[in-house]
């Protein structure tokens, strides 16, 4: 089996109490069944605290938030479970976050998630590329090999686009056109490349406030994100949208092998980078908060993928217009 991961993956370390946006805040942490059984059987004050904190809904155990944070979070920013029992006692989510593993059977890809501020720093540096290693093992391949081959080769083309010298908006527009082309092939159609002249002709006036309004209609975790969405305005896209898009392409492009919906994911990538680029303040901090609000909420992800096809705020014409400078008055 082949393992692919960013060169910085093994260098990453949680900064614990020094983190500016702890993963112990706002999120209801899912506790896997094995950890929940251990916690409920634990004796002493920590066991009492864990039994009081745990609740179960629809067969899934959670830590109940108190004052917006996990009850195991200490004033020094450290986890009480880890401090008293060690890292191996953590539930699976807390032990692995922000590490991601995408298992495709005969290969795996490891990543760090942008919602972690320390991981976001490494993602935006993105200086060393990816490394590969062969390890024993693997499992049965459940995807169509031709579809995966197309997704792998087209992802390489997408990364080449993102390494180009074009302006960020035009680069994202080209990424969108590549998504259309590859989707046509996945659907059994014509692989003919769409030219930028056609895209400019198809672009209509777009309003970034409409896009922000769509995102305001999703589930919102923090008041800070709601307030930040209110700052959306027509701004020149910063170069930082490119490393964000690179991260999203690496994370989501191959997932289209499960349902053959690549274009919805490419629109999600372009929309997300565009939206974060339109917000006031520091781009990297805004991208980290976007990830916390969107990537960690499956319902939000599903709503965006659905909205990519059905929302009037997210039409192809309006998105191209925003990327290519045709702003609504």
Protein backbone atom coordinates (compact mmCIF):
# COMPACT_ATOMS: atom_id res chain seq x y z
CA UNK A 1 0.00 0.00 0.00
CA UNK A 2 1.17 3.53 -0.79
CA UNK A 3 0.93 6.22 1.89
CA UNK A 4 0.99 9.86 0.76
CA UNK A 5 1.32 12.75 3.18
CA UNK A 6 2.57 16.34 3.30
CA UNK A 7 6.25 16.66 4.15
CA UNK A 8 5.32 18.50 7.37
CA UNK A 9 2.79 15.88 8.53
CA UNK A 10 5.09 14.15 11.03
CA UNK A 11 6.56 17.46 12.20
CA UNK A 12 3.22 18.84 13.40
CA UNK A 13 2.74 19.00 17.15
CA UNK A 14 -0.28 20.22 19.11
CA UNK A 15 0.60 23.43 21.00
CA UNK A 16 -2.01 22.64 23.69
CA UNK A 17 -2.49 25.52 26.13
CA UNK A 18 -0.84 28.00 23.73
CA UNK A 19 -3.46 27.41 21.03
CA UNK A 20 -5.43 30.56 20.13
CA UNK A 21 -8.58 28.58 19.22
CA UNK A 22 -8.60 25.32 21.15
CA UNK A 23 -10.45 22.34 19.67
CA UNK A 24 -11.95 21.96 23.17
CA UNK A 25 -14.11 25.05 22.46
CA UNK A 26 -17.54 25.08 20.76
CA UNK A 27 -17.40 21.51 19.39
CA UNK A 28 -19.40 18.72 20.95
CA UNK A 29 -16.76 15.98 20.92
CA UNK A 30 -17.98 12.58 19.77
CA UNK A 31 -16.69 9.82 22.04
CA UNK A 32 -16.18 6.40 20.46
CA UNK A 33 -17.88 3.42 22.10
CA UNK A 34 -14.68 1.89 23.55
CA UNK A 35 -13.63 5.17 25.17
CA UNK A 36 -17.15 5.81 26.48
CA UNK A 37 -17.17 2.38 28.19
CA UNK A 38 -13.77 3.06 29.76
CA UNK A 39 -14.80 6.50 30.97
CA UNK A 40 -18.04 5.25 32.53
CA UNK A 41 -16.18 2.44 34.34
CA UNK A 42 -13.42 4.71 35.66
CA UNK A 43 -13.24 5.13 39.43
CA UNK A 44 -12.40 8.24 41.44
CA UNK A 45 -13.12 11.94 40.88
CA UNK A 46 -12.20 11.86 37.19
CA UNK A 47 -14.58 8.96 36.60
CA UNK A 48 -17.36 10.84 38.39
CA UNK A 49 -16.69 13.93 36.25
CA UNK A 50 -16.70 11.90 33.04
CA UNK A 51 -19.96 10.14 33.85
CA UNK A 52 -21.50 13.51 34.57
CA UNK A 53 -20.19 14.97 31.30
CA UNK A 54 -21.14 12.13 28.94
CA UNK A 55 -24.50 11.95 27.23
CA UNK A 56 -25.82 9.68 24.51
CA UNK A 57 -28.10 10.48 21.58
CA UNK A 58 -29.09 7.95 18.90
CA UNK A 59 -26.45 5.56 20.19
CA UNK A 60 -23.61 8.14 19.93
CA UNK A 61 -21.81 9.39 23.05
CA UNK A 62 -20.84 13.07 23.36
CA UNK A 63 -19.13 15.33 25.86
CA UNK A 64 -21.66 17.90 27.07
CA UNK A 65 -20.39 21.44 26.55
CA UNK A 66 -20.28 23.73 29.57
CA UNK A 67 -19.89 27.45 29.02
CA UNK A 68 -18.99 26.69 25.42
CA UNK A 69 -16.17 24.25 26.11
CA UNK A 70 -15.52 20.59 26.88
CA UNK A 71 -15.81 19.98 30.65
CA UNK A 72 -12.43 18.20 30.56
CA UNK A 73 -10.71 21.40 29.41
CA UNK A 74 -8.65 22.93 32.23
CA UNK A 75 -7.91 26.58 32.89
CA UNK A 76 -4.32 26.07 31.70
CA UNK A 77 -5.61 24.95 28.30
CA UNK A 78 -4.77 21.28 28.83
CA UNK A 79 -7.07 18.24 28.84
CA UNK A 80 -7.77 16.71 32.23
CA UNK A 81 -8.00 13.20 30.75
CA UNK A 82 -4.59 13.46 29.09
CA UNK A 83 -3.03 15.13 32.13
CA UNK A 84 -4.19 12.40 34.53
CA UNK A 85 -4.24 9.28 32.34
CA UNK A 86 -1.98 10.04 29.37
CA UNK A 87 -2.58 10.57 25.66
CA UNK A 88 -3.61 6.96 25.02
CA UNK A 89 -6.67 7.46 27.26
CA UNK A 90 -8.14 10.10 24.94
CA UNK A 91 -11.13 9.20 22.77
CA UNK A 92 -10.35 8.58 19.11
CA UNK A 93 -11.43 12.04 17.89
CA UNK A 94 -9.26 13.89 20.41
CA UNK A 95 -6.31 11.55 19.90
CA UNK A 96 -6.29 11.93 16.12
CA UNK A 97 -7.41 15.55 15.52
CA UNK A 98 -6.38 17.40 13.35
CA UNK A 99 -4.96 14.42 11.47
CA UNK A 100 -7.03 13.11 8.55
CA UNK A 101 -6.81 9.73 6.82
CA UNK A 102 -8.44 9.04 3.45
CA UNK A 103 -8.31 5.31 2.78
CA UNK A 104 -8.88 4.22 -0.81
CA UNK A 105 -7.96 0.56 -0.28
CA UNK A 106 -4.69 0.27 -2.16
CA UNK A 107 -3.44 3.70 -1.07
CA UNK A 108 -4.03 6.17 1.74
CA UNK A 109 -3.59 9.93 1.96
CA UNK A 110 -2.84 11.63 5.27
CA UNK A 111 -3.46 15.33 5.88
CA UNK A 112 -3.84 17.92 8.59
CA UNK A 113 -7.12 19.81 8.94
CA UNK A 114 -7.17 23.58 8.51
CA UNK A 115 -9.54 24.14 11.45
CA UNK A 116 -6.56 23.66 13.79
CA UNK A 117 -4.63 26.99 13.97
CA UNK A 118 -1.24 25.28 14.24
CA UNK A 119 -2.04 22.96 11.32
CA UNK A 120 -3.24 25.98 9.31
CA UNK A 121 0.22 27.55 9.70
CA UNK A 122 1.84 24.50 8.10
CA UNK A 123 -0.82 24.29 5.38
CA UNK A 124 -0.22 27.89 4.32
CA UNK A 125 3.54 27.39 4.27
CA UNK A 126 3.11 24.24 2.11
CA UNK A 127 6.77 24.38 1.17
CA UNK A 128 7.88 20.77 0.95
CA UNK A 129 5.30 19.04 -1.23
CA UNK A 130 4.08 15.51 -0.53
CA UNK A 131 6.08 12.38 0.24
CA UNK A 132 5.21 8.74 -0.47
CA UNK A 133 6.09 5.51 1.29
CA UNK A 134 5.26 1.84 0.68
CA UNK A 135 3.95 -0.17 3.62
CA UNK A 136 2.60 -3.72 3.83
CA UNK A 137 -1.14 -4.21 3.80
CA UNK A 138 -4.08 -2.71 2.05
CA UNK A 139 -7.69 -3.68 1.55
CA UNK A 140 -10.03 -4.48 -1.30
CA UNK A 141 -10.47 -1.70 -3.83
CA UNK A 142 -14.13 -0.67 -4.03
CA UNK A 143 -13.81 2.16 -6.54
CA UNK A 144 -13.75 2.05 -10.34
CA UNK A 145 -10.10 2.06 -11.34
CA UNK A 146 -10.67 4.11 -14.51
CA UNK A 147 -12.55 6.76 -12.57
CA UNK A 148 -9.79 6.93 -9.97
CA UNK A 149 -7.10 7.15 -12.64
CA UNK A 150 -8.96 10.09 -14.20
CA UNK A 151 -9.36 11.81 -10.83
CA UNK A 152 -5.69 11.32 -9.97
CA UNK A 153 -4.43 12.67 -13.29
CA UNK A 154 -6.87 15.59 -13.28
CA UNK A 155 -5.89 16.45 -9.71
CA UNK A 156 -2.31 16.74 -10.89
CA UNK A 157 -3.50 19.14 -13.60
CA UNK A 158 -5.41 21.11 -10.96
CA UNK A 159 -2.27 21.42 -8.83
CA UNK A 160 -0.32 22.61 -11.86
CA UNK A 161 -2.98 25.28 -12.45
CA UNK A 162 -2.66 26.42 -8.85
CA UNK A 163 1.11 26.70 -9.25
CA UNK A 164 0.70 29.07 -12.21
CA UNK A 165 1.26 32.81 -12.38
CA UNK A 166 -2.27 33.94 -13.25
CA UNK A 167 -4.25 36.20 -10.93
CA UNK A 168 -6.04 34.27 -8.16
CA UNK A 169 -9.54 34.86 -9.57
CA UNK A 170 -8.56 33.68 -13.04
CA UNK A 171 -6.77 30.67 -11.54
CA UNK A 172 -9.91 29.63 -9.67
CA UNK A 173 -11.97 30.16 -12.83
CA UNK A 174 -9.62 27.85 -14.73
CA UNK A 175 -9.97 25.31 -11.93
CA UNK A 176 -13.74 25.51 -12.35
CA UNK A 177 -13.44 24.91 -16.10
CA UNK A 178 -11.21 21.90 -15.46
CA UNK A 179 -13.90 20.56 -13.14
CA UNK A 180 -16.50 20.87 -15.91
CA UNK A 181 -14.25 19.06 -18.37
CA UNK A 182 -13.46 16.17 -16.02
CA UNK A 183 -17.09 15.88 -14.93
CA UNK A 184 -18.10 15.49 -18.57
CA UNK A 185 -15.71 12.56 -18.89
CA UNK A 186 -16.95 10.98 -15.67
CA UNK A 187 -20.46 11.26 -17.09
CA UNK A 188 -19.37 9.52 -20.29
CA UNK A 189 -19.28 12.68 -22.37
CA UNK A 190 -16.87 14.80 -24.37
CA UNK A 191 -13.46 15.60 -22.80
CA UNK A 192 -13.09 18.78 -24.87
CA UNK A 193 -11.36 21.58 -22.96
CA UNK A 194 -13.37 24.77 -22.32
CA UNK A 195 -11.54 27.97 -23.18
CA UNK A 196 -11.38 31.06 -20.99
CA UNK A 197 -13.05 33.09 -23.74
CA UNK A 198 -16.15 30.92 -23.32
CA UNK A 199 -16.00 31.36 -19.57
CA UNK A 200 -15.80 35.15 -19.86
CA UNK A 201 -18.79 35.13 -22.20
CA UNK A 202 -20.77 32.96 -19.76
CA UNK A 203 -19.88 35.08 -16.73
CA UNK A 204 -22.67 37.26 -15.38
CA UNK A 205 -22.66 39.82 -12.59
CA UNK A 206 -22.18 38.23 -9.18
CA UNK A 207 -22.68 39.58 -5.68
CA UNK A 208 -20.42 38.27 -2.92
CA UNK A 209 -23.03 39.36 -0.38
CA UNK A 210 -25.36 36.75 -1.89
CA UNK A 211 -22.72 34.09 -1.31
CA UNK A 212 -22.22 35.27 2.27
CA UNK A 213 -26.00 35.19 2.72
CA UNK A 214 -26.06 31.55 1.64
CA UNK A 215 -23.37 30.72 4.20
CA UNK A 216 -25.31 32.64 6.88
CA UNK A 217 -28.18 30.22 6.25
CA UNK A 218 -26.04 27.23 7.27
CA UNK A 219 -25.52 26.02 10.82
CA UNK A 220 -23.26 28.54 12.60
CA UNK A 221 -21.09 27.51 15.52
CA UNK A 222 -19.56 30.80 16.68
CA UNK A 223 -20.81 34.41 16.84
CA UNK A 224 -17.42 35.42 15.40
CA UNK A 225 -18.17 33.62 12.13
CA UNK A 226 -21.60 35.23 11.84
CA UNK A 227 -20.07 38.69 12.37
CA UNK A 228 -17.28 37.94 9.91
CA UNK A 229 -19.75 36.98 7.18
CA UNK A 230 -21.26 40.46 7.52
CA UNK A 231 -17.93 41.94 6.34
CA UNK A 232 -18.07 40.22 2.93
CA UNK A 233 -17.32 42.76 0.23
CA UNK A 234 -15.85 43.00 -3.24
CA UNK A 235 -12.07 42.94 -2.68
CA UNK A 236 -9.07 41.95 -4.82
CA UNK A 237 -8.46 38.30 -4.04
CA UNK A 238 -5.22 37.83 -2.08
CA UNK A 239 -2.61 35.27 -3.12
CA UNK A 240 -3.44 33.28 0.02
CA UNK A 241 -6.50 31.86 -1.75
CA UNK A 242 -4.10 29.64 -3.71
CA UNK A 243 -2.68 27.60 -0.78
CA UNK A 244 -6.22 27.32 0.56
CA UNK A 245 -7.44 25.99 -2.79
CA UNK A 246 -4.43 23.65 -2.97
CA UNK A 247 -5.37 22.20 0.42
CA UNK A 248 -9.01 21.77 -0.65
CA UNK A 249 -8.09 20.12 -3.95
CA UNK A 250 -5.88 17.62 -2.14
CA UNK A 251 -8.56 16.89 0.43
CA UNK A 252 -11.73 16.68 -1.68
CA UNK A 253 -10.88 15.97 -5.33
CA UNK A 254 -10.51 12.18 -5.02
CA UNK A 255 -13.61 11.89 -2.82
CA UNK A 256 -15.61 12.25 -6.02
CA UNK A 257 -14.84 8.58 -6.69
CA UNK A 258 -17.62 7.74 -4.22
CA UNK A 259 -20.46 9.47 -6.10
CA UNK A 260 -18.82 10.84 -9.29
CA UNK A 261 -19.76 14.40 -8.33
CA UNK A 262 -16.49 16.20 -8.96
CA UNK A 263 -17.99 19.45 -10.23
CA UNK A 264 -19.95 20.08 -7.03
CA UNK A 265 -16.71 19.71 -5.08
CA UNK A 266 -14.80 22.03 -7.43
CA UNK A 267 -17.50 24.68 -7.02
CA UNK A 268 -17.25 24.18 -3.26
CA UNK A 269 -13.48 24.77 -3.47
CA UNK A 270 -13.79 27.92 -5.59
CA UNK A 271 -16.69 29.33 -3.55
CA UNK A 272 -14.93 28.75 -0.26
CA UNK A 273 -11.67 30.38 -1.33
CA UNK A 274 -13.60 33.26 -2.89
CA UNK A 275 -15.70 33.82 0.23
CA UNK A 276 -12.74 33.79 2.63
CA UNK A 277 -10.90 36.17 0.32
CA UNK A 278 -13.81 38.62 0.52
CA UNK A 279 -13.83 38.86 4.33
CA UNK A 280 -12.20 41.60 6.40
CA UNK A 281 -9.16 40.78 8.50
CA UNK A 282 -6.37 38.22 8.34
CA UNK A 283 -6.92 35.65 5.59
CA UNK A 284 -5.29 32.71 7.39
CA UNK A 285 -7.28 33.28 10.58
CA UNK A 286 -10.47 33.61 8.55
CA UNK A 287 -9.69 30.39 6.64
CA UNK A 288 -9.11 28.52 9.89
CA UNK A 289 -12.46 29.73 11.23
CA UNK A 290 -14.17 28.85 7.92
CA UNK A 291 -12.80 25.32 8.27
CA UNK A 292 -14.02 25.05 11.85
CA UNK A 293 -17.50 26.13 10.82
CA UNK A 294 -17.81 24.23 7.54
CA UNK A 295 -15.46 21.26 7.29
CA UNK A 296 -16.34 19.86 10.72
CA UNK A 297 -20.08 19.94 10.05
CA UNK A 298 -21.24 17.24 7.60
CA UNK A 299 -24.65 18.92 7.27
CA UNK A 300 -23.00 22.16 6.17
CA UNK A 301 -20.84 20.32 3.64
CA UNK A 302 -23.87 18.54 2.21
CA UNK A 303 -25.82 21.80 2.03
CA UNK A 304 -23.04 23.49 0.04
CA UNK A 305 -22.69 20.57 -2.38
CA UNK A 306 -26.46 20.67 -2.92
CA UNK A 307 -26.46 24.48 -3.19
CA UNK A 308 -23.76 24.34 -5.85
CA UNK A 309 -26.45 23.03 -8.20
CA UNK A 310 -29.67 24.50 -6.80
CA UNK A 311 -28.99 27.82 -5.06
CA UNK A 312 -29.62 30.99 -7.05
CA UNK A 313 -26.76 32.63 -5.12
CA UNK A 314 -24.24 30.03 -6.34
CA UNK A 315 -24.96 29.73 -10.07
CA UNK A 316 -22.10 29.06 -12.47
CA UNK A 317 -22.64 32.42 -14.16
CA UNK A 318 -22.49 34.39 -10.91
CA UNK A 319 -19.49 32.46 -9.62
CA UNK A 320 -17.56 33.04 -12.84
CA UNK A 321 -18.53 36.70 -12.70
CA UNK A 322 -17.14 37.06 -9.17
CA UNK A 323 -13.93 35.28 -10.10
CA UNK A 324 -13.42 37.28 -13.30
CA UNK A 325 -14.35 40.70 -11.95
CA UNK A 326 -17.96 41.13 -13.06
CA UNK A 327 -19.50 42.43 -9.85
CA UNK A 328 -23.18 43.22 -9.48
CA UNK A 329 -23.92 46.90 -8.88
